[in-house]
């Protein structure tokens, strides 16, 4: 008996999805993350202007790169993309013209011994309080030696005298820390207590923006 076979359609060549197609799909998707919590990991450690939600770089990093890849951020700001690259198992590489931005980003991706940091924080606060009470004159004289006239005028404008002494006492204790990573952490933590949108230690308010205003006293 003769067999009859239906003709088969010619195989269609399906082009594999490219990096470009994936990127187009990402850009066309929902990129509104402003209703999500951005305080995860170390993202909320220090105020910084024009920060974007961490979920934004996280989506691009995990979709467009593989584990172990290098993620480059040529204008890293406070390091949001670098932190997300670190959390996703990528190597983050960032550049910025702002030295404070570089220090913040470096601290935010440096693993620390938490119990050690807690112990040192208590020691710093205790010793700084003692120094501010008993060696205020010496700390005040250190202000004169530490800063030039322009810097001194800036500090006098933004900080009350007793606040200057307290900050110098904290700086003196932080400077005693030999571990560079931990010392940098406390330096940026001190900066974060000053550069904050509310409840800061200076005579200004809304310090996270470019032109802070001095509070009336």
N, C-alpha and C. Protein backbone atom coordinates (compact mmCIF):
# COMPACT_ATOMS: atom_id res chain seq x y z
N UNK A 1 0.84 -1.19 0.00
CA UNK A 1 0.00 0.00 0.00
C UNK A 1 0.88 1.24 0.00
N UNK A 2 0.55 2.17 -0.86
CA UNK A 2 1.35 3.39 -0.96
C UNK A 2 0.97 4.35 0.17
N UNK A 3 2.01 4.84 0.87
CA UNK A 3 1.78 5.78 1.98
C UNK A 3 1.72 7.20 1.45
N UNK A 4 0.85 7.96 2.09
CA UNK A 4 0.70 9.36 1.70
C UNK A 4 1.14 10.26 2.86
N UNK A 5 2.03 11.18 2.61
CA UNK A 5 2.51 12.11 3.64
C UNK A 5 2.15 13.53 3.24
N UNK A 6 1.67 14.26 4.23
CA UNK A 6 1.38 15.67 4.01
C UNK A 6 2.70 16.43 3.89
N UNK A 7 2.77 17.38 3.01
CA UNK A 7 4.02 18.18 2.90
C UNK A 7 4.23 19.01 4.16
N UNK A 8 5.45 19.07 4.60
CA UNK A 8 5.78 19.85 5.81
C UNK A 8 6.21 21.25 5.41
N UNK A 9 5.81 22.18 6.27
CA UNK A 9 6.18 23.58 6.01
C UNK A 9 7.68 23.74 6.25
N UNK A 10 8.31 24.59 5.48
CA UNK A 10 9.75 24.82 5.68
C UNK A 10 10.02 25.42 7.05
N UNK A 11 11.10 24.99 7.66
CA UNK A 11 11.44 25.49 9.01
C UNK A 11 11.72 26.99 8.96
N UNK A 12 11.14 27.69 9.93
CA UNK A 12 11.35 29.15 10.01
C UNK A 12 12.58 29.42 10.88
N UNK A 13 13.40 30.33 10.41
CA UNK A 13 14.59 30.68 11.17
C UNK A 13 14.22 31.79 12.18
N UNK A 14 14.27 31.46 13.45
CA UNK A 14 13.94 32.42 14.51
C UNK A 14 15.24 33.04 15.03
N UNK A 15 15.32 34.34 14.88
CA UNK A 15 16.51 35.02 15.37
C UNK A 15 16.56 35.01 16.89
N UNK A 16 17.70 34.67 17.47
CA UNK A 16 17.79 34.71 18.93
C UNK A 16 17.66 36.14 19.44
N UNK A 17 17.09 36.26 20.65
CA UNK A 17 16.95 37.58 21.24
C UNK A 17 18.33 38.16 21.53
N UNK A 18 18.48 39.42 21.23
CA UNK A 18 19.76 40.07 21.43
C UNK A 18 19.72 40.94 22.68
N UNK A 19 20.90 41.39 23.07
CA UNK A 19 21.02 42.32 24.20
C UNK A 19 20.18 43.57 23.94
N UNK A 20 20.17 44.01 22.69
CA UNK A 20 19.41 45.21 22.33
C UNK A 20 17.92 45.00 22.58
N UNK A 21 17.38 43.83 22.18
CA UNK A 21 15.96 43.55 22.38
C UNK A 21 15.62 43.51 23.86
N UNK A 22 16.49 42.91 24.65
CA UNK A 22 16.26 42.84 26.09
C UNK A 22 16.24 44.23 26.70
N UNK A 23 17.15 45.07 26.27
CA UNK A 23 17.21 46.44 26.78
C UNK A 23 15.96 47.22 26.38
N UNK A 24 15.51 47.06 25.14
CA UNK A 24 14.29 47.74 24.68
C UNK A 24 13.09 47.32 25.54
N UNK A 25 12.98 46.03 25.83
CA UNK A 25 11.88 45.53 26.66
C UNK A 25 11.95 46.13 28.07
N UNK A 26 13.15 46.22 28.60
CA UNK A 26 13.31 46.81 29.94
C UNK A 26 12.86 48.26 29.96
N UNK A 27 13.30 49.03 28.97
CA UNK A 27 12.96 50.45 28.92
C UNK A 27 11.47 50.67 28.68
N UNK A 28 10.83 49.72 28.03
CA UNK A 28 9.40 49.85 27.76
C UNK A 28 8.54 49.37 28.93
N UNK A 29 9.16 48.73 29.91
CA UNK A 29 8.43 48.20 31.05
C UNK A 29 8.19 49.24 32.13
N UNK A 30 7.67 48.76 33.24
CA UNK A 30 7.35 49.64 34.37
C UNK A 30 8.63 49.91 35.16
N UNK A 31 9.09 51.15 35.16
CA UNK A 31 10.30 51.53 35.88
C UNK A 31 10.00 52.52 37.01
N UNK A 32 8.77 52.52 37.46
CA UNK A 32 8.37 53.40 38.56
C UNK A 32 8.46 52.63 39.87
N UNK A 33 9.53 52.92 40.65
CA UNK A 33 9.75 52.22 41.91
C UNK A 33 9.60 53.15 43.13
N UNK A 34 9.04 54.33 42.91
CA UNK A 34 9.02 55.32 43.98
C UNK A 34 8.10 54.94 45.14
N UNK A 35 7.23 53.96 44.92
CA UNK A 35 6.38 53.52 46.01
C UNK A 35 7.02 52.38 46.81
N UNK A 36 8.22 51.97 46.43
CA UNK A 36 8.90 50.89 47.13
C UNK A 36 9.94 51.43 48.10
N UNK A 37 10.22 50.63 49.11
CA UNK A 37 11.15 51.05 50.16
C UNK A 37 12.58 51.04 49.63
N UNK A 38 13.25 52.19 49.70
CA UNK A 38 14.63 52.28 49.23
C UNK A 38 15.65 52.27 50.34
N UNK A 39 15.21 51.90 51.56
CA UNK A 39 16.11 51.96 52.71
C UNK A 39 16.80 50.63 53.00
N UNK A 40 16.74 49.69 52.07
CA UNK A 40 17.35 48.39 52.28
C UNK A 40 18.88 48.49 52.24
N UNK A 41 19.51 47.44 52.77
CA UNK A 41 20.98 47.36 52.80
C UNK A 41 21.56 48.66 53.38
N UNK A 42 22.56 49.24 52.71
CA UNK A 42 23.20 50.46 53.22
C UNK A 42 22.77 51.71 52.44
N UNK A 43 21.70 51.61 51.66
CA UNK A 43 21.31 52.71 50.78
C UNK A 43 20.94 53.99 51.53
N UNK A 44 20.42 53.85 52.74
CA UNK A 44 19.93 55.03 53.46
C UNK A 44 20.97 55.57 54.44
N UNK A 45 22.22 55.18 54.26
CA UNK A 45 23.25 55.50 55.26
C UNK A 45 23.61 56.98 55.29
N UNK A 46 23.58 57.63 54.16
CA UNK A 46 23.99 59.04 54.09
C UNK A 46 23.11 59.77 53.07
N UNK A 47 22.59 60.94 53.44
CA UNK A 47 21.78 61.73 52.50
C UNK A 47 22.62 62.16 51.30
N UNK A 48 21.96 62.22 50.14
CA UNK A 48 22.65 62.63 48.93
C UNK A 48 21.60 63.10 47.94
N UNK A 49 21.85 64.22 47.22
CA UNK A 49 20.83 64.73 46.30
C UNK A 49 20.66 63.84 45.07
N UNK A 50 19.43 63.85 44.54
CA UNK A 50 19.09 63.17 43.27
C UNK A 50 19.36 61.67 43.30
N UNK A 51 19.11 61.03 44.43
CA UNK A 51 19.25 59.58 44.50
C UNK A 51 18.06 58.91 43.80
N UNK A 52 18.33 57.82 43.07
CA UNK A 52 17.23 57.08 42.49
C UNK A 52 16.99 55.80 43.28
N UNK A 53 15.79 55.21 43.17
CA UNK A 53 15.48 54.01 43.95
C UNK A 53 16.40 52.85 43.58
N UNK A 54 16.88 52.09 44.56
CA UNK A 54 17.82 50.99 44.27
C UNK A 54 17.22 49.90 43.39
N UNK A 55 15.88 49.79 43.39
CA UNK A 55 15.25 48.76 42.55
C UNK A 55 15.49 49.01 41.06
N UNK A 56 15.77 50.27 40.69
CA UNK A 56 16.00 50.58 39.28
C UNK A 56 17.30 49.96 38.76
N UNK A 57 18.47 50.26 39.36
CA UNK A 57 19.68 49.59 38.87
C UNK A 57 19.66 48.09 39.10
N UNK A 58 18.99 47.65 40.16
CA UNK A 58 18.93 46.20 40.44
C UNK A 58 18.26 45.45 39.28
N UNK A 59 17.19 46.04 38.73
CA UNK A 59 16.49 45.39 37.62
C UNK A 59 17.36 45.29 36.38
N UNK A 60 18.08 46.36 36.07
CA UNK A 60 18.94 46.36 34.90
C UNK A 60 20.14 45.44 35.09
N UNK A 61 20.71 45.45 36.29
CA UNK A 61 21.89 44.62 36.57
C UNK A 61 21.56 43.13 36.45
N UNK A 62 20.47 42.71 37.10
CA UNK A 62 20.14 41.29 37.10
C UNK A 62 19.63 40.80 35.75
N UNK A 63 19.06 41.70 34.95
CA UNK A 63 18.53 41.30 33.64
C UNK A 63 19.60 41.31 32.55
N UNK A 64 20.49 42.29 32.61
CA UNK A 64 21.44 42.49 31.51
C UNK A 64 22.83 41.89 31.77
N UNK A 65 23.12 41.48 33.00
CA UNK A 65 24.45 40.94 33.30
C UNK A 65 24.34 39.59 34.00
N UNK A 66 25.44 38.89 34.02
CA UNK A 66 25.50 37.60 34.71
C UNK A 66 26.37 37.72 35.95
N UNK A 67 26.25 36.76 36.84
CA UNK A 67 27.03 36.76 38.07
C UNK A 67 28.53 36.84 37.76
N UNK A 68 29.23 37.71 38.47
CA UNK A 68 30.66 37.89 38.26
C UNK A 68 31.02 38.95 37.25
N UNK A 69 30.01 39.50 36.55
CA UNK A 69 30.28 40.54 35.55
C UNK A 69 30.68 41.85 36.23
N UNK A 70 31.28 42.74 35.45
CA UNK A 70 31.67 44.05 35.95
C UNK A 70 30.59 45.06 35.56
N UNK A 71 30.11 45.81 36.55
CA UNK A 71 29.11 46.85 36.33
C UNK A 71 29.80 48.20 36.50
N UNK A 72 29.76 49.03 35.47
CA UNK A 72 30.43 50.33 35.49
C UNK A 72 29.41 51.44 35.68
N UNK A 73 29.70 52.33 36.64
CA UNK A 73 28.89 53.54 36.83
C UNK A 73 29.84 54.74 36.76
N UNK A 74 29.84 55.48 35.64
CA UNK A 74 30.80 56.57 35.46
C UNK A 74 30.50 57.81 36.30
N UNK A 75 29.30 57.90 36.86
CA UNK A 75 28.94 59.00 37.76
C UNK A 75 28.20 58.39 38.95
N UNK A 76 28.94 57.83 39.88
CA UNK A 76 28.33 56.93 40.86
C UNK A 76 27.52 57.60 41.96
N UNK A 77 27.70 58.92 42.17
CA UNK A 77 26.94 59.58 43.23
C UNK A 77 27.19 58.92 44.57
N UNK A 78 26.13 58.57 45.28
CA UNK A 78 26.31 57.96 46.59
C UNK A 78 26.47 56.45 46.52
N UNK A 79 26.59 55.90 45.31
CA UNK A 79 26.92 54.48 45.17
C UNK A 79 25.76 53.52 45.09
N UNK A 80 24.56 53.99 44.72
CA UNK A 80 23.40 53.10 44.66
C UNK A 80 23.63 51.93 43.71
N UNK A 81 24.13 52.22 42.51
CA UNK A 81 24.37 51.15 41.53
C UNK A 81 25.48 50.21 41.99
N UNK A 82 26.52 50.77 42.61
CA UNK A 82 27.63 49.94 43.08
C UNK A 82 27.17 48.99 44.18
N UNK A 83 26.34 49.48 45.08
CA UNK A 83 25.80 48.63 46.15
C UNK A 83 24.95 47.50 45.56
N UNK A 84 24.10 47.84 44.59
CA UNK A 84 23.26 46.82 43.98
C UNK A 84 24.09 45.80 43.20
N UNK A 85 25.15 46.25 42.55
CA UNK A 85 26.05 45.31 41.87
C UNK A 85 26.68 44.35 42.88
N UNK A 86 27.12 44.90 44.00
CA UNK A 86 27.73 44.10 45.07
C UNK A 86 26.72 43.06 45.58
N UNK A 87 25.47 43.47 45.82
CA UNK A 87 24.45 42.56 46.35
C UNK A 87 24.07 41.47 45.34
N UNK A 88 24.20 41.80 44.05
CA UNK A 88 23.84 40.84 43.00
C UNK A 88 25.01 39.93 42.61
N UNK A 89 26.14 40.05 43.29
CA UNK A 89 27.28 39.19 42.98
C UNK A 89 28.08 39.64 41.79
N UNK A 90 27.98 40.94 41.47
CA UNK A 90 28.78 41.52 40.40
C UNK A 90 29.90 42.36 40.99
N UNK A 91 30.87 42.72 40.16
CA UNK A 91 31.95 43.61 40.58
C UNK A 91 31.58 45.03 40.18
N UNK A 92 31.39 45.90 41.14
CA UNK A 92 31.03 47.28 40.85
C UNK A 92 32.25 48.16 40.67
N UNK A 93 32.24 48.97 39.62
CA UNK A 93 33.34 49.89 39.34
C UNK A 93 32.73 51.27 39.10
N UNK A 94 33.12 52.27 39.92
CA UNK A 94 32.50 53.57 39.79
C UNK A 94 33.49 54.72 39.82
N UNK A 95 33.11 55.83 39.20
CA UNK A 95 33.91 57.05 39.18
C UNK A 95 33.02 58.23 39.58
N UNK A 96 33.63 59.23 40.18
CA UNK A 96 32.91 60.46 40.46
C UNK A 96 33.91 61.57 40.76
N UNK A 97 33.52 62.80 40.40
CA UNK A 97 34.40 63.94 40.65
C UNK A 97 34.30 64.40 42.10
N UNK A 98 33.24 64.00 42.79
CA UNK A 98 32.99 64.42 44.17
C UNK A 98 33.70 63.47 45.14
N UNK A 99 34.69 63.95 45.91
CA UNK A 99 35.39 63.06 46.84
C UNK A 99 34.49 62.49 47.93
N UNK A 100 33.47 63.26 48.35
CA UNK A 100 32.54 62.74 49.35
C UNK A 100 31.75 61.57 48.79
N UNK A 101 31.33 61.68 47.53
CA UNK A 101 30.60 60.58 46.89
C UNK A 101 31.43 59.30 46.89
N UNK A 102 32.70 59.42 46.56
CA UNK A 102 33.59 58.25 46.52
C UNK A 102 33.71 57.62 47.90
N UNK A 103 33.84 58.45 48.93
CA UNK A 103 34.00 57.92 50.29
C UNK A 103 32.72 57.25 50.78
N UNK A 104 31.57 57.87 50.46
CA UNK A 104 30.29 57.27 50.86
C UNK A 104 30.13 55.91 50.19
N UNK A 105 30.36 55.85 48.88
CA UNK A 105 30.19 54.60 48.14
C UNK A 105 31.13 53.51 48.66
N UNK A 106 32.37 53.89 48.95
CA UNK A 106 33.34 52.91 49.43
C UNK A 106 32.91 52.33 50.78
N UNK A 107 32.41 53.19 51.66
CA UNK A 107 31.96 52.73 52.98
C UNK A 107 30.74 51.82 52.84
N UNK A 108 29.84 52.16 51.93
CA UNK A 108 28.60 51.41 51.79
C UNK A 108 28.80 49.99 51.29
N UNK A 109 29.94 49.68 50.68
CA UNK A 109 30.19 48.32 50.19
C UNK A 109 31.33 47.64 50.94
N UNK A 110 31.73 48.21 52.07
CA UNK A 110 32.80 47.60 52.87
C UNK A 110 32.19 46.79 54.01
N UNK A 111 32.32 45.45 54.00
CA UNK A 111 31.79 44.64 55.10
C UNK A 111 32.53 44.95 56.40
N UNK A 112 31.78 45.04 57.50
CA UNK A 112 32.37 45.37 58.79
C UNK A 112 31.95 44.36 59.84
N UNK A 113 32.75 44.25 60.88
CA UNK A 113 32.44 43.42 62.03
C UNK A 113 31.47 44.21 62.91
N UNK A 114 30.18 43.86 62.87
CA UNK A 114 29.15 44.66 63.55
C UNK A 114 29.38 44.75 65.06
N UNK A 115 29.65 43.65 65.78
CA UNK A 115 29.91 43.78 67.23
C UNK A 115 31.09 44.70 67.52
N UNK A 116 32.13 44.65 66.68
CA UNK A 116 33.29 45.52 66.86
C UNK A 116 32.88 46.99 66.67
N UNK A 117 32.07 47.26 65.67
CA UNK A 117 31.61 48.63 65.41
C UNK A 117 30.77 49.14 66.58
N UNK A 118 29.92 48.29 67.14
CA UNK A 118 29.10 48.69 68.29
C UNK A 118 29.98 49.05 69.49
N UNK A 119 30.97 48.23 69.75
CA UNK A 119 31.86 48.50 70.88
C UNK A 119 32.61 49.81 70.69
N UNK A 120 33.14 50.01 69.48
CA UNK A 120 33.87 51.23 69.20
C UNK A 120 32.97 52.47 69.27
N UNK A 121 31.74 52.33 68.81
CA UNK A 121 30.80 53.46 68.86
C UNK A 121 30.58 53.90 70.30
N UNK A 122 30.38 52.95 71.20
CA UNK A 122 30.19 53.28 72.62
C UNK A 122 31.44 53.95 73.19
N UNK A 123 32.61 53.43 72.83
CA UNK A 123 33.86 54.02 73.32
C UNK A 123 34.04 55.45 72.80
N UNK A 124 33.78 55.65 71.50
CA UNK A 124 33.92 56.98 70.90
C UNK A 124 33.00 57.98 71.60
N UNK A 125 31.75 57.62 71.80
CA UNK A 125 30.80 58.53 72.42
C UNK A 125 31.18 58.85 73.87
N UNK A 126 31.58 57.82 74.61
CA UNK A 126 31.96 58.02 76.02
C UNK A 126 33.18 58.92 76.15
N UNK A 127 34.22 58.64 75.38
CA UNK A 127 35.45 59.41 75.46
C UNK A 127 35.26 60.83 74.93
N UNK A 128 34.46 60.97 73.87
CA UNK A 128 34.21 62.31 73.30
C UNK A 128 33.44 63.18 74.28
N UNK A 129 32.47 62.60 74.97
CA UNK A 129 31.71 63.35 75.97
C UNK A 129 32.62 63.84 77.10
N UNK A 130 33.52 62.99 77.54
CA UNK A 130 34.47 63.37 78.60
C UNK A 130 35.37 64.50 78.12
N UNK A 131 35.90 64.36 76.89
CA UNK A 131 36.80 65.37 76.35
C UNK A 131 36.10 66.71 76.16
N UNK A 132 34.87 66.69 75.70
CA UNK A 132 34.12 67.94 75.47
C UNK A 132 33.86 68.66 76.79
N UNK A 133 33.65 67.88 77.86
CA UNK A 133 33.38 68.49 79.17
C UNK A 133 34.65 69.03 79.83
N UNK A 134 35.73 68.29 79.70
CA UNK A 134 36.93 68.65 80.47
C UNK A 134 38.03 69.33 79.66
N UNK A 135 37.99 69.20 78.33
CA UNK A 135 39.06 69.77 77.50
C UNK A 135 38.51 70.66 76.40
N UNK A 136 37.43 71.37 76.70
CA UNK A 136 36.81 72.21 75.69
C UNK A 136 37.74 73.28 75.14
N UNK A 137 38.53 73.89 76.03
CA UNK A 137 39.45 74.95 75.60
C UNK A 137 40.51 74.40 74.64
N UNK A 138 41.00 73.22 74.96
CA UNK A 138 42.02 72.61 74.11
C UNK A 138 41.45 72.26 72.73
N UNK A 139 40.21 71.76 72.73
CA UNK A 139 39.56 71.43 71.46
C UNK A 139 39.29 72.69 70.65
N UNK A 140 38.93 73.77 71.34
CA UNK A 140 38.69 75.03 70.65
C UNK A 140 39.98 75.57 70.02
N UNK A 141 41.10 75.41 70.75
CA UNK A 141 42.39 75.84 70.20
C UNK A 141 42.76 74.99 68.99
N UNK A 142 42.33 73.72 69.01
CA UNK A 142 42.61 72.84 67.89
C UNK A 142 41.88 73.31 66.64
N UNK A 143 40.71 73.95 66.83
CA UNK A 143 39.96 74.51 65.69
C UNK A 143 40.82 75.52 64.95
N UNK A 144 41.49 76.37 65.71
CA UNK A 144 42.30 77.43 65.10
C UNK A 144 43.45 76.82 64.31
N UNK A 145 44.08 75.78 64.86
CA UNK A 145 45.21 75.14 64.18
C UNK A 145 44.76 74.32 62.97
N UNK A 146 43.59 73.74 63.07
CA UNK A 146 43.13 72.78 62.06
C UNK A 146 42.69 73.46 60.76
N UNK A 147 42.04 74.64 60.84
CA UNK A 147 41.42 75.23 59.67
C UNK A 147 42.01 76.58 59.32
N UNK A 148 42.02 76.88 58.01
CA UNK A 148 42.45 78.21 57.58
C UNK A 148 41.30 79.20 57.84
N UNK A 149 41.55 80.47 57.52
CA UNK A 149 40.58 81.52 57.86
C UNK A 149 39.24 81.32 57.15
N UNK A 150 39.30 80.94 55.88
CA UNK A 150 38.06 80.74 55.13
C UNK A 150 37.23 79.60 55.70
N UNK A 151 37.90 78.48 55.99
CA UNK A 151 37.20 77.33 56.56
C UNK A 151 36.65 77.67 57.93
N UNK A 152 37.46 78.38 58.71
CA UNK A 152 37.04 78.78 60.05
C UNK A 152 35.78 79.65 59.99
N UNK A 153 35.73 80.57 59.04
CA UNK A 153 34.56 81.43 58.88
C UNK A 153 33.33 80.61 58.50
N UNK A 154 33.54 79.61 57.64
CA UNK A 154 32.44 78.72 57.23
C UNK A 154 31.91 77.94 58.43
N UNK A 155 32.81 77.36 59.22
CA UNK A 155 32.41 76.57 60.38
C UNK A 155 31.69 77.44 61.40
N UNK A 156 32.20 78.65 61.64
CA UNK A 156 31.56 79.56 62.60
C UNK A 156 30.15 79.94 62.16
N UNK A 157 29.96 80.05 60.85
CA UNK A 157 28.63 80.42 60.34
C UNK A 157 27.61 79.31 60.55
N UNK A 158 28.02 78.06 60.28
CA UNK A 158 27.07 76.95 60.28
C UNK A 158 26.93 76.24 61.62
N UNK A 159 27.92 76.36 62.51
CA UNK A 159 27.88 75.58 63.75
C UNK A 159 28.05 76.45 64.98
N UNK A 160 27.20 76.20 65.96
CA UNK A 160 27.34 76.89 67.25
C UNK A 160 28.65 76.45 67.90
N UNK A 161 29.15 77.29 68.81
CA UNK A 161 30.46 77.02 69.43
C UNK A 161 30.50 75.69 70.16
N UNK A 162 29.46 75.40 70.95
CA UNK A 162 29.44 74.14 71.69
C UNK A 162 29.36 72.93 70.76
N UNK A 163 28.70 73.13 69.60
CA UNK A 163 28.61 72.05 68.62
C UNK A 163 29.97 71.79 67.99
N UNK A 164 30.72 72.85 67.72
CA UNK A 164 32.06 72.69 67.17
C UNK A 164 32.94 71.86 68.10
N UNK A 165 32.86 72.14 69.38
CA UNK A 165 33.67 71.41 70.36
C UNK A 165 33.26 69.93 70.37
N UNK A 166 31.95 69.67 70.37
CA UNK A 166 31.47 68.28 70.38
C UNK A 166 31.93 67.53 69.13
N UNK A 167 31.85 68.18 67.97
CA UNK A 167 32.26 67.53 66.73
C UNK A 167 33.76 67.26 66.71
N UNK A 168 34.55 68.20 67.21
CA UNK A 168 36.00 68.00 67.26
C UNK A 168 36.37 66.88 68.22
N UNK A 169 35.62 66.77 69.31
CA UNK A 169 35.87 65.67 70.25
C UNK A 169 35.60 64.32 69.59
N UNK A 170 34.52 64.25 68.81
CA UNK A 170 34.21 63.02 68.09
C UNK A 170 35.28 62.72 67.03
N UNK A 171 35.69 63.76 66.29
CA UNK A 171 36.72 63.56 65.27
C UNK A 171 38.03 63.06 65.88
N UNK A 172 38.39 63.60 67.03
CA UNK A 172 39.64 63.20 67.68
C UNK A 172 39.60 61.72 68.07
N UNK A 173 38.44 61.25 68.54
CA UNK A 173 38.32 59.84 68.92
C UNK A 173 38.30 58.93 67.69
N UNK A 174 37.61 59.38 66.64
CA UNK A 174 37.56 58.58 65.40
C UNK A 174 38.95 58.45 64.79
N UNK A 175 39.75 59.52 64.88
CA UNK A 175 41.10 59.51 64.30
C UNK A 175 42.00 58.47 64.96
N UNK A 176 41.66 58.02 66.17
CA UNK A 176 42.47 57.03 66.88
C UNK A 176 42.29 55.62 66.33
N UNK A 177 41.26 55.39 65.54
CA UNK A 177 40.98 54.04 65.01
C UNK A 177 42.01 53.69 63.94
N UNK A 178 42.66 52.58 64.08
CA UNK A 178 43.72 52.20 63.15
C UNK A 178 43.19 51.50 61.90
N UNK A 179 42.07 50.80 62.01
CA UNK A 179 41.50 50.10 60.85
C UNK A 179 40.86 51.14 59.92
N UNK A 180 41.38 51.23 58.69
CA UNK A 180 40.92 52.27 57.76
C UNK A 180 39.44 52.13 57.41
N UNK A 181 38.99 50.90 57.20
CA UNK A 181 37.59 50.69 56.83
C UNK A 181 36.64 51.13 57.93
N UNK A 182 36.96 50.78 59.18
CA UNK A 182 36.10 51.16 60.31
C UNK A 182 36.20 52.66 60.56
N UNK A 183 37.41 53.22 60.44
CA UNK A 183 37.56 54.67 60.65
C UNK A 183 36.75 55.44 59.61
N UNK A 184 36.80 55.01 58.36
CA UNK A 184 36.03 55.67 57.30
C UNK A 184 34.54 55.58 57.57
N UNK A 185 34.11 54.43 58.08
CA UNK A 185 32.69 54.26 58.42
C UNK A 185 32.25 55.32 59.44
N UNK A 186 33.03 55.51 60.49
CA UNK A 186 32.65 56.48 61.52
C UNK A 186 32.76 57.92 61.01
N UNK A 187 33.69 58.18 60.14
CA UNK A 187 33.79 59.53 59.55
C UNK A 187 32.55 59.85 58.72
N UNK A 188 32.10 58.88 57.91
CA UNK A 188 30.90 59.10 57.11
C UNK A 188 29.65 59.11 57.99
N UNK A 189 29.64 58.32 59.05
CA UNK A 189 28.51 58.35 59.99
C UNK A 189 28.40 59.73 60.64
N UNK A 190 29.55 60.32 60.98
CA UNK A 190 29.55 61.67 61.56
C UNK A 190 29.03 62.67 60.53
N UNK A 191 29.48 62.54 59.28
CA UNK A 191 29.00 63.41 58.22
C UNK A 191 27.50 63.26 58.04
N UNK A 192 27.01 62.02 58.13
CA UNK A 192 25.57 61.77 57.96
C UNK A 192 24.74 62.45 59.03
N UNK A 193 25.31 62.61 60.22
CA UNK A 193 24.57 63.28 61.30
C UNK A 193 24.48 64.78 61.07
N UNK A 194 25.33 65.31 60.19
CA UNK A 194 25.33 66.75 59.88
C UNK A 194 24.54 67.00 58.59
N UNK A 195 24.86 66.23 57.54
CA UNK A 195 24.21 66.39 56.24
C UNK A 195 22.94 65.57 56.25
N UNK A 196 21.90 66.13 56.78
CA UNK A 196 20.63 65.41 56.88
C UNK A 196 19.49 66.38 56.65
N UNK A 197 18.35 65.87 56.20
CA UNK A 197 17.24 66.75 55.84
C UNK A 197 16.53 67.33 57.06
N UNK A 198 16.66 66.69 58.19
CA UNK A 198 16.03 67.23 59.40
C UNK A 198 16.77 66.69 60.61
N UNK A 199 16.76 67.44 61.68
CA UNK A 199 17.37 66.97 62.92
C UNK A 199 18.88 66.95 62.89
N UNK A 200 19.51 67.73 62.01
CA UNK A 200 20.96 67.75 61.95
C UNK A 200 21.57 68.54 63.10
N UNK A 201 22.90 68.57 63.17
CA UNK A 201 23.58 69.23 64.28
C UNK A 201 24.03 70.64 63.93
N UNK A 202 23.82 71.07 62.69
CA UNK A 202 24.23 72.42 62.31
C UNK A 202 23.08 73.39 62.50
N UNK A 203 23.33 74.65 62.16
CA UNK A 203 22.30 75.68 62.25
C UNK A 203 21.50 75.77 60.96
N UNK A 204 21.62 74.78 60.10
CA UNK A 204 20.93 74.79 58.82
C UNK A 204 19.80 73.77 58.81
N UNK A 205 18.89 73.95 57.84
CA UNK A 205 17.90 72.92 57.61
C UNK A 205 17.91 72.54 56.14
N UNK A 206 17.44 71.31 55.83
CA UNK A 206 17.44 70.79 54.46
C UNK A 206 18.84 70.80 53.85
N UNK A 207 19.80 70.26 54.58
CA UNK A 207 21.19 70.25 54.13
C UNK A 207 21.46 69.31 52.98
N UNK A 208 20.51 68.44 52.65
CA UNK A 208 20.75 67.47 51.58
C UNK A 208 20.71 68.13 50.21
N UNK A 209 20.29 69.37 50.15
CA UNK A 209 20.23 70.05 48.86
C UNK A 209 21.42 70.98 48.68
N UNK A 210 21.52 71.52 47.44
CA UNK A 210 22.73 72.27 47.10
C UNK A 210 22.87 73.59 47.84
N UNK A 211 21.75 74.23 48.13
CA UNK A 211 21.80 75.53 48.79
C UNK A 211 21.02 75.49 50.10
N UNK A 212 21.63 74.96 51.14
CA UNK A 212 20.94 74.91 52.44
C UNK A 212 20.73 76.30 53.01
N UNK A 213 19.72 76.44 53.83
CA UNK A 213 19.42 77.73 54.45
C UNK A 213 19.74 77.66 55.93
N UNK A 214 20.24 78.75 56.45
CA UNK A 214 20.60 78.80 57.86
C UNK A 214 19.35 79.03 58.69
N UNK A 215 19.21 78.25 59.74
CA UNK A 215 18.05 78.39 60.61
C UNK A 215 18.17 79.66 61.44
N UNK A 216 17.05 80.28 61.76
CA UNK A 216 17.09 81.50 62.55
C UNK A 216 17.30 81.13 64.02
N UNK A 217 18.20 81.87 64.69
CA UNK A 217 18.45 81.60 66.10
C UNK A 217 18.31 82.91 66.88
